[in-house]
Amino acid sequence: MFTGLIETTGKIKKISDKNNYLVFDIEAMFDDEKHKIGDSVACDGICLTIVSSDRQKFTVEVSQETINKTIAANYKVGSKINLERPLKIGSRLGGHFVSGHVDDTGLILVAKAVGDSVELSVTFDKKFELLVVEKGSITINGVSLTVNSVIENRLTVNLIPHTLETTNLQNLKANDKVNLEFDIIGKYAVKAQESSNPDKQALAKLSEGGW
């Protein structure tokens, strides 16, 4: 479990193919401790497992499922990625609960300066509309953000100068793809609502079939 508060950014030093998955060597320095084999780390919001490490870098393996569902296939040597280690018991929860399981890739429609901040407009798959609410939480490339507004499958967020300085969101521009994870509390709420209305679901399916 993560919080969406980025600890540091890393740089991809090497990308290798291994059977049907990818291997990334990531150069990064955390403040306090050495990476350990088996540790989890969120890379642009993707929960991955460290398979080898030294003081300056660590290696992760990226499955085909992750490649298909995230922006991992777009990375190149030199790509800058947001990094966060899991939440420790007893730590302050400054962002929101983030699982590191990417739900969708969004598309940046607009990235415009608003004073010293940047406003992003992002579109996403319409099937996730119920999971996004104004002033709710959203994770973009692993960064916990507050939704300013949402109209159907288009949302806006504001990036303050601190976020721009400490994450890779500063580099985003129109037509870039990003990893999105929707608020886990919203997922459970929607699931509970669906489960309590089985007749409504059945009628919706019949309607889709032209009945």
Protein backbone atom coordinates (compact mmCIF):
# COMPACT_ATOMS: atom_id res chain seq x y z
CA MET A 1 0.00 0.00 0.00
CA PHE A 2 1.26 3.46 -0.96
CA THR A 3 0.18 7.07 -0.38
CA GLY A 4 0.85 8.82 -3.68
CA LEU A 5 3.49 11.06 -2.07
CA ILE A 6 6.58 10.68 -4.24
CA GLU A 7 9.85 10.14 -2.37
CA THR A 8 12.23 10.70 -5.26
CA THR A 9 12.53 10.32 -9.01
CA GLY A 10 14.66 7.74 -10.79
CA LYS A 11 16.11 7.34 -14.25
CA ILE A 12 15.89 4.23 -16.39
CA LYS A 13 19.45 3.20 -17.20
CA LYS A 14 18.78 -0.01 -19.12
CA ILE A 15 15.82 -1.84 -20.68
CA SER A 16 16.09 -5.56 -21.49
CA ASP A 17 13.73 -8.10 -23.01
CA LYS A 18 13.41 -11.40 -21.13
CA ASN A 19 11.10 -13.88 -22.80
CA ASN A 20 7.74 -12.05 -22.90
CA TYR A 21 8.45 -9.38 -20.28
CA LEU A 22 10.74 -6.40 -19.72
CA VAL A 23 13.52 -5.77 -17.22
CA PHE A 24 14.30 -2.21 -16.08
CA ASP A 25 17.48 -1.07 -14.36
CA ILE A 26 16.57 2.11 -12.47
CA GLU A 27 19.08 4.56 -11.05
CA ALA A 28 17.75 6.11 -7.84
CA MET A 29 18.85 7.30 -4.43
CA PHE A 30 16.51 7.15 -1.44
CA ASP A 31 17.37 9.15 1.66
CA ASP A 32 17.76 6.47 4.27
CA GLU A 33 18.24 2.85 3.30
CA LYS A 34 19.52 0.44 0.67
CA HIS A 35 17.07 -1.35 -1.58
CA LYS A 36 16.45 -4.99 -0.67
CA ILE A 37 15.53 -7.88 -2.96
CA GLY A 38 11.82 -8.61 -2.66
CA ASP A 39 10.89 -5.06 -1.66
CA SER A 40 8.03 -3.36 -3.47
CA VAL A 41 8.38 0.03 -5.08
CA ALA A 42 5.82 2.09 -6.99
CA CYS A 43 7.30 3.18 -10.33
CA ASP A 44 5.03 5.85 -11.85
CA GLY A 45 2.29 4.26 -9.76
CA ILE A 46 3.03 0.67 -10.84
CA CYS A 47 3.78 -1.66 -7.93
CA LEU A 48 6.87 -3.67 -8.91
CA THR A 49 9.21 -6.02 -7.04
CA ILE A 50 12.94 -5.42 -6.73
CA VAL A 51 14.85 -8.48 -8.03
CA SER A 52 18.37 -7.12 -7.61
CA SER A 53 19.94 -3.95 -6.29
CA ASP A 54 23.00 -2.03 -5.20
CA ARG A 55 23.45 1.36 -3.57
CA GLN A 56 22.80 3.41 -6.72
CA LYS A 57 20.26 1.35 -8.65
CA PHE A 58 17.73 -1.46 -8.55
CA THR A 59 16.20 -3.85 -11.07
CA VAL A 60 12.53 -4.75 -11.59
CA GLU A 61 10.75 -7.14 -13.93
CA VAL A 62 7.61 -6.00 -15.74
CA SER A 63 5.07 -8.63 -16.79
CA GLN A 64 3.16 -8.68 -20.07
CA GLU A 65 -0.05 -7.79 -18.23
CA THR A 66 1.59 -4.69 -16.76
CA ILE A 67 3.05 -3.75 -20.14
CA ASN A 68 -0.42 -3.97 -21.71
CA LYS A 69 -2.24 -2.02 -18.96
CA THR A 70 0.25 0.79 -18.24
CA ILE A 71 2.64 3.20 -19.94
CA ALA A 72 5.61 0.92 -19.20
CA ALA A 73 6.02 0.04 -22.88
CA ASN A 74 6.63 3.75 -23.64
CA TYR A 75 9.71 4.06 -21.44
CA LYS A 76 13.11 4.65 -22.99
CA VAL A 77 16.60 4.72 -21.56
CA GLY A 78 16.80 8.05 -19.73
CA SER A 79 13.09 8.22 -18.90
CA LYS A 80 12.42 9.87 -15.55
CA ILE A 81 9.96 8.03 -13.29
CA ASN A 82 8.30 8.77 -9.95
CA LEU A 83 9.26 6.44 -7.09
CA GLU A 84 7.63 5.64 -3.76
CA ARG A 85 8.23 2.83 -1.29
CA PRO A 86 5.31 1.26 0.61
CA LEU A 87 3.61 2.99 3.53
CA LYS A 88 5.04 2.05 6.93
CA ILE A 89 2.71 1.21 9.80
CA GLY A 90 2.41 4.28 11.99
CA SER A 91 3.36 6.74 9.26
CA ARG A 92 1.24 9.77 8.47
CA LEU A 93 -1.10 9.28 5.51
CA GLY A 94 -0.57 12.56 3.69
CA GLY A 95 -1.99 11.52 0.32
CA HIS A 96 -4.59 8.75 0.03
CA PHE A 97 -4.59 4.95 -0.05
CA VAL A 98 -2.92 3.84 -3.29
CA SER A 99 -2.58 0.15 -4.20
CA GLY A 100 -0.07 0.48 -7.04
CA HIS A 101 -2.45 -1.35 -9.40
CA VAL A 102 -3.04 0.84 -12.44
CA ASP A 103 -6.66 0.91 -13.62
CA ASP A 104 -6.34 2.75 -16.92
CA THR A 105 -4.04 4.85 -19.05
CA GLY A 106 -5.25 8.40 -19.47
CA LEU A 107 -4.49 10.84 -22.27
CA ILE A 108 -3.39 14.41 -21.59
CA LEU A 109 -5.64 16.75 -23.57
CA VAL A 110 -4.31 20.06 -22.26
CA ALA A 111 -1.41 21.10 -20.02
CA LYS A 112 -1.56 24.84 -19.40
CA ALA A 113 0.13 27.23 -17.00
CA VAL A 114 -2.10 28.92 -14.42
CA GLY A 115 0.17 31.33 -12.59
CA ASP A 116 3.00 29.24 -11.13
CA SER A 117 0.91 26.07 -11.32
CA VAL A 118 -0.09 23.85 -14.24
CA GLU A 119 -3.59 22.61 -14.95
CA LEU A 120 -3.91 19.21 -16.58
CA SER A 121 -6.97 18.02 -18.45
CA VAL A 122 -7.04 14.23 -18.77
CA THR A 123 -9.45 11.91 -20.56
CA PHE A 124 -9.99 8.27 -19.57
CA ASP A 125 -12.15 5.25 -20.43
CA LYS A 126 -15.86 6.01 -19.99
CA LYS A 127 -16.43 2.80 -18.02
CA PHE A 128 -14.64 4.44 -15.07
CA GLU A 129 -16.82 7.58 -14.94
CA LEU A 130 -18.49 6.64 -11.64
CA LEU A 131 -15.10 6.36 -9.91
CA VAL A 132 -14.14 10.02 -10.39
CA VAL A 133 -15.78 12.79 -8.34
CA GLU A 134 -15.02 16.47 -7.86
CA LYS A 135 -12.65 17.07 -4.93
CA GLY A 136 -12.00 13.32 -4.76
CA SER A 137 -8.59 11.69 -5.16
CA ILE A 138 -6.87 10.43 -8.29
CA THR A 139 -3.39 9.02 -8.84
CA ILE A 140 -1.53 10.14 -11.96
CA ASN A 141 1.85 8.46 -12.56
CA GLY A 142 1.83 7.54 -8.89
CA VAL A 143 1.15 11.09 -7.64
CA SER A 144 -1.84 11.63 -5.32
CA LEU A 145 -3.87 14.57 -6.67
CA THR A 146 -7.24 16.21 -6.02
CA VAL A 147 -9.76 16.27 -8.86
CA ASN A 148 -10.74 19.89 -9.58
CA SER A 149 -13.57 19.06 -11.95
CA VAL A 150 -14.96 16.14 -13.91
CA ILE A 151 -17.32 16.05 -16.88
CA GLU A 152 -18.13 12.54 -18.06
CA ASN A 153 -14.73 10.92 -18.78
CA ARG A 154 -12.65 14.10 -18.61
CA LEU A 155 -11.05 15.41 -15.42
CA THR A 156 -8.83 18.31 -14.45
CA VAL A 157 -6.19 18.57 -11.74
CA ASN A 158 -3.85 21.32 -10.60
CA LEU A 159 -0.11 20.79 -10.16
CA ILE A 160 1.43 23.13 -7.59
CA PRO A 161 5.08 24.23 -7.97
CA HIS A 162 6.29 21.66 -5.39
CA THR A 163 4.71 18.80 -7.37
CA LEU A 164 6.22 20.12 -10.58
CA GLU A 165 9.68 20.33 -9.00
CA THR A 166 9.69 16.89 -7.37
CA THR A 167 7.95 14.62 -9.91
CA ASN A 168 7.99 13.88 -13.63
CA LEU A 169 4.59 15.55 -14.11
CA GLN A 170 6.48 18.71 -15.05
CA ASN A 171 7.30 17.08 -18.40
CA LEU A 172 3.72 16.24 -19.42
CA LYS A 173 2.24 17.73 -22.57
CA ALA A 174 -0.80 17.20 -24.79
CA ASN A 175 -1.14 13.65 -26.18
CA ASP A 176 1.10 12.09 -23.53
CA LYS A 177 -0.25 8.96 -21.83
CA VAL A 178 -0.26 8.57 -18.05
CA ASN A 179 -0.99 5.84 -15.53
CA LEU A 180 -4.26 6.32 -13.64
CA GLU A 181 -5.37 4.65 -10.44
CA PHE A 182 -8.83 5.55 -9.17
CA ASP A 183 -9.62 5.91 -5.47
CA ILE A 184 -9.96 2.45 -3.93
CA ILE A 185 -12.76 3.63 -1.63
CA GLY A 186 -14.77 4.67 -4.67
CA LYS A 187 -14.23 1.25 -6.25
CA TYR A 188 -15.67 -0.53 -3.22
CA ALA A 189 -18.58 1.92 -3.01
CA VAL A 190 -19.53 1.35 -6.67
CA LYS A 191 -19.15 -2.43 -6.28
CA ALA A 192 -21.42 -2.42 -3.22
CA GLN A 193 -24.02 -0.36 -5.05
CA GLU A 194 -23.96 -2.73 -8.02
CA SER A 195 -24.27 -5.78 -5.77
CA SER A 196 -27.33 -4.31 -4.01
CA ASN A 197 -29.12 -3.71 -7.31
CA PRO A 198 -28.99 -7.02 -9.23
CA ASP A 199 -32.38 -6.40 -10.88
CA LYS A 200 -31.18 -3.03 -12.18
CA GLN A 201 -28.11 -4.69 -13.68
CA ALA A 202 -30.22 -7.36 -15.37
CA LEU A 203 -32.52 -4.73 -16.87
CA ALA A 204 -29.53 -2.77 -18.13
CA LYS A 205 -28.14 -5.86 -19.85
CA LEU A 206 -31.52 -6.57 -21.47
CA SER A 207 -31.71 -2.97 -22.63
CA GLU A 208 -28.26 -3.23 -24.19
CA GLY A 209 -29.44 -6.31 -26.06
CA GLY A 210 -32.38 -4.42 -27.54
CA TRP A 211 -35.12 -5.91 -25.31
